[in-house]
Amino acid sequence: MIIKSLEVGPIMANCYILGCENTRAAVIIDPGDDSDRIQAELSQLSLTAKYIVNTHGHFDHVGANKKMKTATGAPILIHKGDAPMLSRLSTDATMFGLSAENSPEPDRMVADGDIIEFGEITLKVFHTPGHSPGGISLYTDGYVFVGDTLFAGSIGRTDLPGGDYDTLITSVRNKLFILADDTRVFCGHGPETTIGREKQYNPFFR
């Protein structure tokens, strides 16, 4: 599997491009901004986007949904719990002194246990609420993309509308910490980590 990470936008969110080496099919996870850079990477890697997947609906992770859908034609996937956020990205960004373009309506709602297939790769959807009601994580053998649910040495904030600390802790313990310790964790901000490292050293789970 091809994995390309891009820090996008003023809040430096991580956008991930995952590609199937054999078929060149790809998914874009969290196109928060900088659509031109994302498109350039797709072109350079000779990948065709099959899906745009939002781990949650906050503007810094989905702000380029509209431009990426226009450029690629790929459908937008999100959990129903966060789908309403897509129509108010501009308003939410303004609260932080920033700007964002509202997203088109999602083409498909994903739920816990769903499978997203592209080329020869499958991603399994884990519903991991807490940072937001519809937060999801995406797992494929040995890799998990967690949005803002879990960070290296920390967790996502829970003081935004729809956030809940206890729910987030439960999500991590019951959905992520059951994965193998050597599972690589790709976060919504900051560096990657592993499940084993976070189980042992993350201060929120000691």
C-alpha atoms as a PDB file:
ATOM      1  CA  MET A   1       0.000   0.000   0.000  1.00  0.00           C
ATOM      2  CA  ILE A   2       1.158   3.495  -0.860  1.00  0.00           C
ATOM      3  CA  ILE A   3       0.821   5.972   2.028  1.00  0.00           C
ATOM      4  CA  LYS A   4       1.425   9.662   1.452  1.00  0.00           C
ATOM      5  CA  SER A   5       0.969  12.158   4.281  1.00  0.00           C
ATOM      6  CA  LEU A   6       0.447  15.882   3.737  1.00  0.00           C
ATOM      7  CA  GLU A   7       0.119  18.596   6.371  1.00  0.00           C
ATOM      8  CA  VAL A   8      -2.597  20.911   5.067  1.00  0.00           C
ATOM      9  CA  GLY A   9      -4.135  24.196   6.096  1.00  0.00           C
ATOM     10  CA  PRO A  10      -3.321  26.697   8.832  1.00  0.00           C
ATOM     11  CA  ILE A  11      -4.042  24.181  11.628  1.00  0.00           C
ATOM     12  CA  MET A  12      -1.682  21.678   9.983  1.00  0.00           C
ATOM     13  CA  ALA A  13      -4.072  18.754   9.760  1.00  0.00           C
ATOM     14  CA  ASN A  14      -2.790  15.510   8.284  1.00  0.00           C
ATOM     15  CA  CYS A  15      -4.316  14.483   4.963  1.00  0.00           C
ATOM     16  CA  TYR A  16      -3.517  10.956   3.833  1.00  0.00           C
ATOM     17  CA  ILE A  17      -3.511   9.502   0.353  1.00  0.00           C
ATOM     18  CA  LEU A  18      -3.668   5.700   0.345  1.00  0.00           C
ATOM     19  CA  GLY A  19      -3.033   3.910  -2.914  1.00  0.00           C
ATOM     20  CA  CYS A  20      -3.137   0.364  -4.211  1.00  0.00           C
ATOM     21  CA  GLU A  21       0.184  -0.325  -5.915  1.00  0.00           C
ATOM     22  CA  ASN A  22      -1.266  -2.819  -8.395  1.00  0.00           C
ATOM     23  CA  THR A  23      -4.444  -1.026  -9.510  1.00  0.00           C
ATOM     24  CA  ARG A  24      -3.456   2.604  -8.741  1.00  0.00           C
ATOM     25  CA  ALA A  25      -6.841   3.122  -7.049  1.00  0.00           C
ATOM     26  CA  ALA A  26      -6.721   5.442  -4.048  1.00  0.00           C
ATOM     27  CA  VAL A  27      -8.641   7.038  -1.212  1.00  0.00           C
ATOM     28  CA  ILE A  28      -8.124  10.521   0.179  1.00  0.00           C
ATOM     29  CA  ILE A  29      -8.537  10.709   3.950  1.00  0.00           C
ATOM     30  CA  ASP A  30      -9.335  14.154   5.386  1.00  0.00           C
ATOM     31  CA  PRO A  31      -8.651  16.676   2.613  1.00  0.00           C
ATOM     32  CA  GLY A  32      -8.661  19.653   4.946  1.00  0.00           C
ATOM     33  CA  ASP A  33      -7.148  22.251   2.628  1.00  0.00           C
ATOM     34  CA  ASP A  34      -4.536  22.742  -0.089  1.00  0.00           C
ATOM     35  CA  SER A  35      -6.460  20.873  -2.775  1.00  0.00           C
ATOM     36  CA  ASP A  36      -3.870  21.738  -5.423  1.00  0.00           C
ATOM     37  CA  ARG A  37      -1.161  19.950  -3.425  1.00  0.00           C
ATOM     38  CA  ILE A  38      -3.365  16.906  -2.940  1.00  0.00           C
ATOM     39  CA  GLN A  39      -4.162  16.745  -6.643  1.00  0.00           C
ATOM     40  CA  ALA A  40      -0.486  17.143  -7.507  1.00  0.00           C
ATOM     41  CA  GLU A  41       0.422  14.200  -5.284  1.00  0.00           C
ATOM     42  CA  LEU A  42      -2.260  12.024  -6.861  1.00  0.00           C
ATOM     43  CA  SER A  43      -0.895  12.891 -10.292  1.00  0.00           C
ATOM     44  CA  GLN A  44       2.721  12.331  -9.312  1.00  0.00           C
ATOM     45  CA  LEU A  45       1.862   8.928  -7.856  1.00  0.00           C
ATOM     46  CA  SER A  46      -0.343   8.042 -10.863  1.00  0.00           C
ATOM     47  CA  LEU A  47      -3.290   7.350  -8.558  1.00  0.00           C
ATOM     48  CA  THR A  48      -7.020   7.679  -9.202  1.00  0.00           C
ATOM     49  CA  ALA A  49      -9.150   8.690  -6.209  1.00  0.00           C
ATOM     50  CA  LYS A  50     -12.097   6.363  -5.672  1.00  0.00           C
ATOM     51  CA  TYR A  51     -13.309   7.834  -2.373  1.00  0.00           C
ATOM     52  CA  ILE A  52     -12.915  10.907  -0.188  1.00  0.00           C
ATOM     53  CA  VAL A  53     -13.220   9.691   3.400  1.00  0.00           C
ATOM     54  CA  ASN A  54     -13.786  12.080   6.302  1.00  0.00           C
ATOM     55  CA  THR A  55     -12.745  10.763   9.728  1.00  0.00           C
ATOM     56  CA  HIS A  56     -14.886  13.528  11.216  1.00  0.00           C
ATOM     57  CA  GLY A  57     -16.586  16.736  10.175  1.00  0.00           C
ATOM     58  CA  HIS A  58     -14.377  19.506  11.558  1.00  0.00           C
ATOM     59  CA  PHE A  59     -13.464  22.130   8.967  1.00  0.00           C
ATOM     60  CA  ASP A  60      -9.696  21.625   9.232  1.00  0.00           C
ATOM     61  CA  HIS A  61     -10.134  18.033   8.016  1.00  0.00           C
ATOM     62  CA  VAL A  62     -12.813  18.450   5.358  1.00  0.00           C
ATOM     63  CA  GLY A  63     -12.365  21.994   4.032  1.00  0.00           C
ATOM     64  CA  ALA A  64     -11.212  20.812   0.601  1.00  0.00           C
ATOM     65  CA  ASN A  65     -14.038  18.291   0.143  1.00  0.00           C
ATOM     66  CA  LYS A  66     -15.757  20.386  -2.512  1.00  0.00           C
ATOM     67  CA  LYS A  67     -12.650  21.096  -4.579  1.00  0.00           C
ATOM     68  CA  MET A  68     -11.455  17.498  -4.371  1.00  0.00           C
ATOM     69  CA  LYS A  69     -14.831  16.107  -5.370  1.00  0.00           C
ATOM     70  CA  THR A  70     -14.985  18.515  -8.306  1.00  0.00           C
ATOM     71  CA  ALA A  71     -11.468  17.546  -9.379  1.00  0.00           C
ATOM     72  CA  THR A  72     -11.766  13.787  -8.967  1.00  0.00           C
ATOM     73  CA  GLY A  73     -15.466  12.925  -9.021  1.00  0.00           C
ATOM     74  CA  ALA A  74     -14.886  10.720  -5.980  1.00  0.00           C
ATOM     75  CA  PRO A  75     -17.813  10.287  -3.593  1.00  0.00           C
ATOM     76  CA  ILE A  76     -17.603  11.708  -0.074  1.00  0.00           C
ATOM     77  CA  LEU A  77     -17.956   9.257   2.823  1.00  0.00           C
ATOM     78  CA  ILE A  78     -18.632  10.236   6.445  1.00  0.00           C
ATOM     79  CA  HIS A  79     -20.437   8.877   9.521  1.00  0.00           C
ATOM     80  CA  LYS A  80     -23.997  10.144   9.915  1.00  0.00           C
ATOM     81  CA  GLY A  81     -23.129  11.614  13.314  1.00  0.00           C
ATOM     82  CA  ASP A  82     -20.902  14.234  11.706  1.00  0.00           C
ATOM     83  CA  ALA A  83     -22.667  14.685   8.361  1.00  0.00           C
ATOM     84  CA  PRO A  84     -24.552  17.835   9.501  1.00  0.00           C
ATOM     85  CA  MET A  85     -21.228  19.612  10.049  1.00  0.00           C
ATOM     86  CA  LEU A  86     -20.436  19.608   6.337  1.00  0.00           C
ATOM     87  CA  SER A  87     -23.004  22.311   5.577  1.00  0.00           C
ATOM     88  CA  ARG A  88     -21.645  24.735   8.179  1.00  0.00           C
ATOM     89  CA  LEU A  89     -17.896  24.603   7.643  1.00  0.00           C
ATOM     90  CA  SER A  90     -17.724  28.291   6.719  1.00  0.00           C
ATOM     91  CA  THR A  91     -19.433  29.334   9.948  1.00  0.00           C
ATOM     92  CA  ASP A  92     -17.330  27.009  12.095  1.00  0.00           C
ATOM     93  CA  ALA A  93     -14.072  28.212  10.540  1.00  0.00           C
ATOM     94  CA  THR A  94     -15.037  31.849  11.138  1.00  0.00           C
ATOM     95  CA  MET A  95     -15.207  31.130  14.862  1.00  0.00           C
ATOM     96  CA  PHE A  96     -11.466  30.404  14.709  1.00  0.00           C
ATOM     97  CA  GLY A  97     -10.693  33.445  12.567  1.00  0.00           C
ATOM     98  CA  LEU A  98     -10.248  31.265   9.480  1.00  0.00           C
ATOM     99  CA  SER A  99     -12.176  30.476   6.320  1.00  0.00           C
ATOM    100  CA  ALA A 100     -13.452  27.273   4.748  1.00  0.00           C
ATOM    101  CA  GLU A 101     -15.801  26.303   1.952  1.00  0.00           C
ATOM    102  CA  ASN A 102     -18.914  24.330   2.795  1.00  0.00           C
ATOM    103  CA  SER A 103     -18.806  20.730   1.619  1.00  0.00           C
ATOM    104  CA  PRO A 104     -21.230  19.037  -0.729  1.00  0.00           C
ATOM    105  CA  GLU A 105     -23.632  16.592   0.875  1.00  0.00           C
ATOM    106  CA  PRO A 106     -22.041  13.211   1.570  1.00  0.00           C
ATOM    107  CA  ASP A 107     -22.610  10.504  -1.005  1.00  0.00           C
ATOM    108  CA  ARG A 108     -22.494   7.660   1.495  1.00  0.00           C
ATOM    109  CA  MET A 109     -22.830   7.297   5.242  1.00  0.00           C
ATOM    110  CA  VAL A 110     -20.477   4.774   6.802  1.00  0.00           C
ATOM    111  CA  ALA A 111     -21.062   2.941  10.063  1.00  0.00           C
ATOM    112  CA  ASP A 112     -19.107   0.780  12.472  1.00  0.00           C
ATOM    113  CA  GLY A 113     -17.999  -2.424  10.761  1.00  0.00           C
ATOM    114  CA  ASP A 114     -18.411  -1.158   7.205  1.00  0.00           C
ATOM    115  CA  ILE A 115     -15.765  -1.992   4.610  1.00  0.00           C
ATOM    116  CA  ILE A 116     -14.366   0.520   2.122  1.00  0.00           C
ATOM    117  CA  GLU A 117     -12.707  -1.177  -0.850  1.00  0.00           C
ATOM    118  CA  PHE A 118     -10.326   0.394  -3.340  1.00  0.00           C
ATOM    119  CA  GLY A 119      -8.255  -1.695  -5.673  1.00  0.00           C
ATOM    120  CA  GLU A 120      -6.987  -4.696  -3.702  1.00  0.00           C
ATOM    121  CA  ILE A 121      -7.147  -2.893  -0.337  1.00  0.00           C
ATOM    122  CA  THR A 122      -9.949  -2.855   2.217  1.00  0.00           C
ATOM    123  CA  LEU A 123     -10.429  -0.406   5.075  1.00  0.00           C
ATOM    124  CA  LYS A 124     -12.594  -1.407   8.015  1.00  0.00           C
ATOM    125  CA  VAL A 125     -14.553   1.372   9.687  1.00  0.00           C
ATOM    126  CA  PHE A 126     -14.479   1.707  13.479  1.00  0.00           C
ATOM    127  CA  HIS A 127     -16.910   4.210  14.988  1.00  0.00           C
ATOM    128  CA  THR A 128     -14.736   6.050  17.528  1.00  0.00           C
ATOM    129  CA  PRO A 129     -16.786   8.976  18.878  1.00  0.00           C
ATOM    130  CA  GLY A 130     -15.679  11.344  21.612  1.00  0.00           C
ATOM    131  CA  HIS A 131     -13.826  14.067  19.742  1.00  0.00           C
ATOM    132  CA  SER A 132     -17.014  14.351  17.709  1.00  0.00           C
ATOM    133  CA  PRO A 133     -20.221  12.269  17.591  1.00  0.00           C
ATOM    134  CA  GLY A 134     -19.422  10.681  14.232  1.00  0.00           C
ATOM    135  CA  GLY A 135     -15.685  10.233  14.489  1.00  0.00           C
ATOM    136  CA  ILE A 136     -14.344   7.135  12.754  1.00  0.00           C
ATOM    137  CA  SER A 137     -11.050   5.291  12.482  1.00  0.00           C
ATOM    138  CA  LEU A 138     -10.005   3.271   9.439  1.00  0.00           C
ATOM    139  CA  TYR A 139      -8.090   0.004   9.773  1.00  0.00           C
ATOM    140  CA  THR A 140      -6.213  -2.114   7.299  1.00  0.00           C
ATOM    141  CA  ASP A 141      -3.677  -4.791   8.160  1.00  0.00           C
ATOM    142  CA  GLY A 142      -1.164  -3.215  10.497  1.00  0.00           C
ATOM    143  CA  TYR A 143      -2.290   0.381   9.967  1.00  0.00           C
ATOM    144  CA  VAL A 144      -5.023   2.529  11.511  1.00  0.00           C
ATOM    145  CA  PHE A 145      -5.984   6.088  10.597  1.00  0.00           C
ATOM    146  CA  VAL A 146      -7.606   7.655  13.640  1.00  0.00           C
ATOM    147  CA  GLY A 147      -8.418  11.276  12.806  1.00  0.00           C
ATOM    148  CA  ASP A 148      -8.392  13.326  16.007  1.00  0.00           C
ATOM    149  CA  THR A 149      -9.334  10.454  18.324  1.00  0.00           C
ATOM    150  CA  LEU A 150      -5.781   9.609  19.402  1.00  0.00           C
ATOM    151  CA  PHE A 151      -2.448  11.404  19.126  1.00  0.00           C
ATOM    152  CA  ALA A 152       1.122  10.527  19.971  1.00  0.00           C
ATOM    153  CA  GLY A 153       1.115  11.063  23.713  1.00  0.00           C
ATOM    154  CA  SER A 154      -2.308  12.682  23.806  1.00  0.00           C
ATOM    155  CA  ILE A 155      -5.955  12.527  22.735  1.00  0.00           C
ATOM    156  CA  GLY A 156      -8.296  14.727  20.737  1.00  0.00           C
ATOM    157  CA  ARG A 157      -9.941  17.659  22.452  1.00  0.00           C
ATOM    158  CA  THR A 158     -13.433  17.061  23.791  1.00  0.00           C
ATOM    159  CA  ASP A 159     -14.536  20.622  24.565  1.00  0.00           C
ATOM    160  CA  LEU A 160     -16.023  21.323  21.139  1.00  0.00           C
ATOM    161  CA  PRO A 161     -19.765  20.820  20.475  1.00  0.00           C
ATOM    162  CA  GLY A 162     -20.566  17.093  20.469  1.00  0.00           C
ATOM    163  CA  GLY A 163     -17.338  16.128  22.208  1.00  0.00           C
ATOM    164  CA  ASP A 164     -17.296  13.949  25.306  1.00  0.00           C
ATOM    165  CA  TYR A 165     -14.226  12.909  27.270  1.00  0.00           C
ATOM    166  CA  ASP A 166     -15.540   9.634  28.701  1.00  0.00           C
ATOM    167  CA  THR A 167     -16.836   8.570  25.294  1.00  0.00           C
ATOM    168  CA  LEU A 168     -13.464   9.243  23.695  1.00  0.00           C
ATOM    169  CA  ILE A 169     -11.572   7.263  26.340  1.00  0.00           C
ATOM    170  CA  THR A 170     -13.967   4.359  25.872  1.00  0.00           C
ATOM    171  CA  SER A 171     -13.556   4.508  22.087  1.00  0.00           C
ATOM    172  CA  VAL A 172      -9.781   4.269  22.341  1.00  0.00           C
ATOM    173  CA  ARG A 173      -9.825   1.462  24.876  1.00  0.00           C
ATOM    174  CA  ASN A 174     -12.500  -0.643  23.184  1.00  0.00           C
ATOM    175  CA  LYS A 175     -11.802  -0.032  19.492  1.00  0.00           C
ATOM    176  CA  LEU A 176      -8.127   0.900  19.137  1.00  0.00           C
ATOM    177  CA  PHE A 177      -6.275  -0.664  22.053  1.00  0.00           C
ATOM    178  CA  ILE A 178      -7.552  -4.114  21.066  1.00  0.00           C
ATOM    179  CA  LEU A 179      -5.350  -3.900  17.950  1.00  0.00           C
ATOM    180  CA  ALA A 180      -1.883  -5.436  17.882  1.00  0.00           C
ATOM    181  CA  ASP A 181       0.765  -3.418  19.688  1.00  0.00           C
ATOM    182  CA  ASP A 182       2.806  -2.956  16.511  1.00  0.00           C
ATOM    183  CA  THR A 183      -0.130  -1.419  14.621  1.00  0.00           C
ATOM    184  CA  ARG A 184       1.011   1.900  13.152  1.00  0.00           C
ATOM    185  CA  VAL A 185      -1.270   4.782  14.117  1.00  0.00           C
ATOM    186  CA  PHE A 186      -1.647   7.699  11.700  1.00  0.00           C
ATOM    187  CA  CYS A 187      -3.125  10.678  13.515  1.00  0.00           C
ATOM    188  CA  GLY A 188      -5.063  13.736  12.403  1.00  0.00           C
ATOM    189  CA  HIS A 189      -2.286  16.038  13.603  1.00  0.00           C
ATOM    190  CA  GLY A 190       1.334  15.437  14.463  1.00  0.00           C
ATOM    191  CA  PRO A 191       3.539  12.356  14.062  1.00  0.00           C
ATOM    192  CA  GLU A 192       2.535   8.732  13.744  1.00  0.00           C
ATOM    193  CA  THR A 193       2.793   6.374  16.694  1.00  0.00           C
ATOM    194  CA  THR A 194       1.932   2.758  17.542  1.00  0.00           C
ATOM    195  CA  ILE A 195      -0.794   1.170  19.594  1.00  0.00           C
ATOM    196  CA  GLY A 196       1.763  -0.383  21.948  1.00  0.00           C
ATOM    197  CA  ARG A 197       3.503   2.926  22.549  1.00  0.00           C
ATOM    198  CA  GLU A 198       0.252   4.688  23.415  1.00  0.00           C
ATOM    199  CA  LYS A 199      -0.919   1.887  25.713  1.00  0.00           C
ATOM    200  CA  GLN A 200       2.341   2.130  27.625  1.00  0.00           C
ATOM    201  CA  TYR A 201       3.160   5.840  27.622  1.00  0.00           C
ATOM    202  CA  ASN A 202       0.050   7.917  26.835  1.00  0.00           C
ATOM    203  CA  PRO A 203      -0.728   9.737  30.107  1.00  0.00           C
ATOM    204  CA  PHE A 204      -4.482   9.576  29.503  1.00  0.00           C
ATOM    205  CA  PHE A 205      -4.440   5.768  29.767  1.00  0.00           C
ATOM    206  CA  ARG A 206      -2.062   5.056  32.621  1.00  0.00           C
END
